[in-house]
Amino acid sequence: MSRHIFRPAGRMLAGLMLLGGLGACAGGPQIRAVNAPGAYEPVAVIAAVEPEDGPQVNQWGGIIPDAKPVTPVDDGALGEIGS
């Protein structure tokens, strides 16, 4: 007998052993996933934003005026603030 006969038989045997091993793993005890307590509670809460009293301050500490400029702003210059 030569390798031409034993090699395919060995591959067939290895394949059957692999299928048997996978079948044994699949036939084991079933794992059931259970949700943790509080799984259906919301993750985040929407914050109620209330406007602050007084002037608003930007990220650089400057006060944001409530009024728009009275005169048109040209070339990036600041216009006069009116009430």
Protein backbone atom coordinates (compact mmCIF):
# COMPACT_ATOMS: atom_id res chain seq x y z
CA MET A 1 0.00 0.00 0.00
CA SER A 2 1.19 3.44 -0.76
CA ARG A 3 0.60 6.98 0.37
CA HIS A 4 -2.03 7.44 -2.30
CA ILE A 5 -4.41 5.24 -0.32
CA PHE A 6 -3.56 6.24 3.25
CA ARG A 7 -3.46 10.01 2.77
CA PRO A 8 -7.15 10.44 1.70
CA ALA A 9 -8.23 7.95 4.37
CA GLY A 10 -6.31 9.93 7.01
CA ARG A 11 -7.90 13.17 5.87
CA MET A 12 -11.33 11.55 5.98
CA LEU A 13 -10.69 10.25 9.49
CA ALA A 14 -9.41 13.68 10.65
CA GLY A 15 -12.49 15.38 9.17
CA LEU A 16 -14.84 12.96 10.91
CA MET A 17 -13.03 13.49 14.21
CA LEU A 18 -13.31 17.27 13.76
CA LEU A 19 -17.04 17.02 13.07
CA GLY A 20 -17.48 14.75 16.08
CA GLY A 21 -15.59 17.18 18.31
CA LEU A 22 -17.64 20.13 17.11
CA GLY A 23 -20.82 18.14 17.64
CA ALA A 24 -19.75 17.37 21.20
CA CYS A 25 -19.15 21.06 21.88
CA ALA A 26 -22.52 22.02 20.44
CA GLY A 27 -24.31 19.33 22.43
CA GLY A 28 -23.08 20.62 25.80
CA PRO A 29 -25.17 22.55 28.34
CA GLN A 30 -26.92 25.54 26.85
CA ILE A 31 -25.90 28.96 28.11
CA ARG A 32 -28.80 31.30 28.68
CA ALA A 33 -28.27 35.03 28.59
CA VAL A 34 -30.17 36.89 31.29
CA ASN A 35 -30.52 40.66 31.37
CA ALA A 36 -28.98 42.34 34.36
CA PRO A 37 -31.27 44.15 36.81
CA GLY A 38 -32.01 47.62 35.50
CA ALA A 39 -31.24 46.72 31.88
CA TYR A 40 -34.35 48.51 30.66
CA GLU A 41 -33.73 51.73 32.58
CA PRO A 42 -32.62 54.76 30.55
CA VAL A 43 -28.87 55.26 30.29
CA ALA A 44 -28.99 59.07 30.26
CA VAL A 45 -31.37 61.63 31.68
CA ILE A 46 -32.27 64.76 29.73
CA ALA A 47 -31.20 67.84 31.64
CA ALA A 48 -33.66 70.70 32.06
CA VAL A 49 -31.81 73.81 30.91
CA GLU A 50 -33.07 77.02 32.45
CA PRO A 51 -31.86 80.42 31.26
CA GLU A 52 -29.64 82.23 33.71
CA ASP A 53 -30.51 85.63 35.13
CA GLY A 54 -28.20 88.48 34.24
CA PRO A 55 -25.76 88.87 31.35
CA GLN A 56 -24.54 85.87 29.42
CA VAL A 57 -20.81 85.17 29.40
CA ASN A 58 -18.92 83.58 26.50
CA GLN A 59 -16.02 81.09 26.76
CA TRP A 60 -13.45 83.92 27.04
CA GLY A 61 -15.25 85.64 29.91
CA GLY A 62 -16.75 88.45 27.79
CA ILE A 63 -20.35 89.60 28.24
CA ILE A 64 -22.69 88.86 25.33
CA PRO A 65 -24.99 91.86 24.69
CA ASP A 66 -28.72 91.32 24.19
CA ALA A 67 -29.03 94.10 21.58
CA LYS A 68 -27.86 94.03 17.96
CA PRO A 69 -25.59 96.77 16.56
CA VAL A 70 -27.47 99.91 15.43
CA THR A 71 -25.05 100.83 12.67
CA PRO A 72 -23.93 98.31 10.05
CA VAL A 73 -20.67 96.55 10.73
CA ASP A 74 -18.13 97.09 7.93
CA ASP A 75 -14.78 95.41 7.40
CA GLY A 76 -14.98 93.41 10.62
CA ALA A 77 -15.25 96.50 12.83
CA LEU A 78 -17.49 96.52 15.89
CA GLY A 79 -20.70 98.52 15.61
CA GLU A 80 -22.25 100.64 18.33
CA ILE A 81 -24.49 98.80 20.75
CA GLY A 82 -27.89 100.39 21.23
CA SER A 83 -30.79 99.45 23.40
